[in-house]
C-alpha atoms as a PDB file:
ATOM      1  CA  UNK A   1     102.793  79.386 108.044  1.00  0.00           C
ATOM      2  CA  UNK A   2      98.871  79.897 108.107  1.00  0.00           C
ATOM      3  CA  UNK A   3      97.330  83.132 109.400  1.00  0.00           C
ATOM      4  CA  UNK A   4      93.899  83.657 111.015  1.00  0.00           C
ATOM      5  CA  UNK A   5      91.734  86.630 110.271  1.00  0.00           C
ATOM      6  CA  UNK A   6      89.811  88.655 113.039  1.00  0.00           C
ATOM      7  CA  UNK A   7      87.343  91.236 111.980  1.00  0.00           C
ATOM      8  CA  UNK A   8      86.971  94.574 114.264  1.00  0.00           C
ATOM      9  CA  UNK A   9      83.308  95.228 115.355  1.00  0.00           C
ATOM     10  CA  UNK A  10      83.205  98.308 112.860  1.00  0.00           C
ATOM     11  CA  UNK A  11      84.091  95.854 109.843  1.00  0.00           C
ATOM     12  CA  UNK A  12      81.727  93.143 111.273  1.00  0.00           C
ATOM     13  CA  UNK A  13      78.774  95.949 111.152  1.00  0.00           C
ATOM     14  CA  UNK A  14      79.738  96.950 107.903  1.00  0.00           C
ATOM     15  CA  UNK A  15      80.196  93.414 106.513  1.00  0.00           C
ATOM     16  CA  UNK A  16      76.749  92.375 107.857  1.00  0.00           C
ATOM     17  CA  UNK A  17      75.180  95.141 105.917  1.00  0.00           C
ATOM     18  CA  UNK A  18      76.288  94.001 102.609  1.00  0.00           C
ATOM     19  CA  UNK A  19      74.475  91.860 100.402  1.00  0.00           C
ATOM     20  CA  UNK A  20      75.047  88.124 100.122  1.00  0.00           C
ATOM     21  CA  UNK A  21      77.187  88.016  96.683  1.00  0.00           C
ATOM     22  CA  UNK A  22      79.382  90.832  98.196  1.00  0.00           C
ATOM     23  CA  UNK A  23      79.832  89.193 101.535  1.00  0.00           C
ATOM     24  CA  UNK A  24      80.804  85.951  99.561  1.00  0.00           C
ATOM     25  CA  UNK A  25      83.153  87.722  97.415  1.00  0.00           C
ATOM     26  CA  UNK A  26      85.051  89.351 100.468  1.00  0.00           C
ATOM     27  CA  UNK A  27      84.813  86.301 102.234  1.00  0.00           C
ATOM     28  CA  UNK A  28      86.688  84.339  99.530  1.00  0.00           C
ATOM     29  CA  UNK A  29      89.379  87.355  99.200  1.00  0.00           C
ATOM     30  CA  UNK A  30      89.769  86.882 103.053  1.00  0.00           C
ATOM     31  CA  UNK A  31      90.347  83.149 102.719  1.00  0.00           C
ATOM     32  CA  UNK A  32      93.222  83.964 100.083  1.00  0.00           C
ATOM     33  CA  UNK A  33      94.968  86.276 102.886  1.00  0.00           C
ATOM     34  CA  UNK A  34      95.367  83.545 105.246  1.00  0.00           C
ATOM     35  CA  UNK A  35      98.189  81.998 102.697  1.00  0.00           C
ATOM     36  CA  UNK A  36     100.055  85.144 102.647  1.00  0.00           C
ATOM     37  CA  UNK A  37      98.724  88.476 103.571  1.00  0.00           C
ATOM     38  CA  UNK A  38     101.805  90.482 102.167  1.00  0.00           C
ATOM     39  CA  UNK A  39     102.203  89.616  98.661  1.00  0.00           C
ATOM     40  CA  UNK A  40      99.892  90.644  95.621  1.00  0.00           C
ATOM     41  CA  UNK A  41      98.864  87.363  93.449  1.00  0.00           C
ATOM     42  CA  UNK A  42      96.035  85.916  91.364  1.00  0.00           C
ATOM     43  CA  UNK A  43      92.888  87.013  93.289  1.00  0.00           C
ATOM     44  CA  UNK A  44      94.694  89.127  95.785  1.00  0.00           C
ATOM     45  CA  UNK A  45      95.063  92.829  94.964  1.00  0.00           C
ATOM     46  CA  UNK A  46      97.469  93.883  98.097  1.00  0.00           C
ATOM     47  CA  UNK A  47      99.066  96.987  98.681  1.00  0.00           C
ATOM     48  CA  UNK A  48     101.049  98.485 101.657  1.00  0.00           C
ATOM     49  CA  UNK A  49      99.656 101.835 102.757  1.00  0.00           C
ATOM     50  CA  UNK A  50     101.667 104.932 103.209  1.00  0.00           C
ATOM     51  CA  UNK A  51     101.212 107.577 105.818  1.00  0.00           C
ATOM     52  CA  UNK A  52     100.488 105.116 108.653  1.00  0.00           C
ATOM     53  CA  UNK A  53     103.103 106.487 111.457  1.00  0.00           C
ATOM     54  CA  UNK A  54     103.063 105.189 114.577  1.00  0.00           C
ATOM     55  CA  UNK A  55     100.715 102.387 113.691  1.00  0.00           C
ATOM     56  CA  UNK A  56     101.299  98.890 112.720  1.00  0.00           C
ATOM     57  CA  UNK A  57     102.061  98.533 109.070  1.00  0.00           C
ATOM     58  CA  UNK A  58      98.744  98.529 107.322  1.00  0.00           C
ATOM     59  CA  UNK A  59      97.623  97.044 104.039  1.00  0.00           C
ATOM     60  CA  UNK A  60      94.879  97.372 101.538  1.00  0.00           C
ATOM     61  CA  UNK A  61      93.123  94.419  99.765  1.00  0.00           C
ATOM     62  CA  UNK A  62      91.141  95.286  96.782  1.00  0.00           C
ATOM     63  CA  UNK A  63      87.758  93.644  96.300  1.00  0.00           C
ATOM     64  CA  UNK A  64      85.802  95.093  93.391  1.00  0.00           C
ATOM     65  CA  UNK A  65      84.611  98.421  94.661  1.00  0.00           C
ATOM     66  CA  UNK A  66      85.380  97.731  98.114  1.00  0.00           C
ATOM     67  CA  UNK A  67      88.806  98.193 100.027  1.00  0.00           C
ATOM     68  CA  UNK A  68      89.681  95.765 103.344  1.00  0.00           C
ATOM     69  CA  UNK A  69      92.026  97.588 105.550  1.00  0.00           C
ATOM     70  CA  UNK A  70      94.146  95.250 107.612  1.00  0.00           C
ATOM     71  CA  UNK A  71      97.413  95.021 109.564  1.00  0.00           C
ATOM     72  CA  UNK A  72      99.235  91.732 110.618  1.00  0.00           C
ATOM     73  CA  UNK A  73     100.462  90.860 114.297  1.00  0.00           C
ATOM     74  CA  UNK A  74     102.175  87.611 114.277  1.00  0.00           C
ATOM     75  CA  UNK A  75      99.695  85.133 112.892  1.00  0.00           C
ATOM     76  CA  UNK A  76      96.835  87.042 113.022  1.00  0.00           C
ATOM     77  CA  UNK A  77      95.116  89.324 110.428  1.00  0.00           C
ATOM     78  CA  UNK A  78      93.465  92.378 111.801  1.00  0.00           C
ATOM     79  CA  UNK A  79      90.711  93.894 109.693  1.00  0.00           C
ATOM     80  CA  UNK A  80      90.163  97.033 110.990  1.00  0.00           C
ATOM     81  CA  UNK A  81      87.961  98.495 108.205  1.00  0.00           C
ATOM     82  CA  UNK A  82      85.866  97.475 105.050  1.00  0.00           C
ATOM     83  CA  UNK A  83      85.227 100.678 103.129  1.00  0.00           C
ATOM     84  CA  UNK A  84      83.714 101.590  99.542  1.00  0.00           C
ATOM     85  CA  UNK A  85      86.199 102.864  97.260  1.00  0.00           C
ATOM     86  CA  UNK A  86      84.385 106.354  97.275  1.00  0.00           C
ATOM     87  CA  UNK A  87      85.167 106.954 100.919  1.00  0.00           C
ATOM     88  CA  UNK A  88      88.684 106.858 100.231  1.00  0.00           C
ATOM     89  CA  UNK A  89      91.536 106.696 103.166  1.00  0.00           C
ATOM     90  CA  UNK A  90      91.118 110.228 104.821  1.00  0.00           C
ATOM     91  CA  UNK A  91      90.217 108.416 108.243  1.00  0.00           C
ATOM     92  CA  UNK A  92      93.935 107.094 108.152  1.00  0.00           C
END
């Protein structure tokens, strides 16, 4: 089963402000998510986030110093945030 990746407007804005090399790294990581967005493996460091009561299960994909926060609905991966490691998860 293949998944498609959709980005929230906030994620698009942040993504657009990154340098080209970082954007390419994140694009590549998102391509790997399309295969299986739930399981950590080579080139995909995935963790299920805790403390997301009342929301869909949310996951974190680590890409160097950045974190891609997403949820999965049927066959769509919804990227809600792309944050730097320093920002942390206080916004959850």
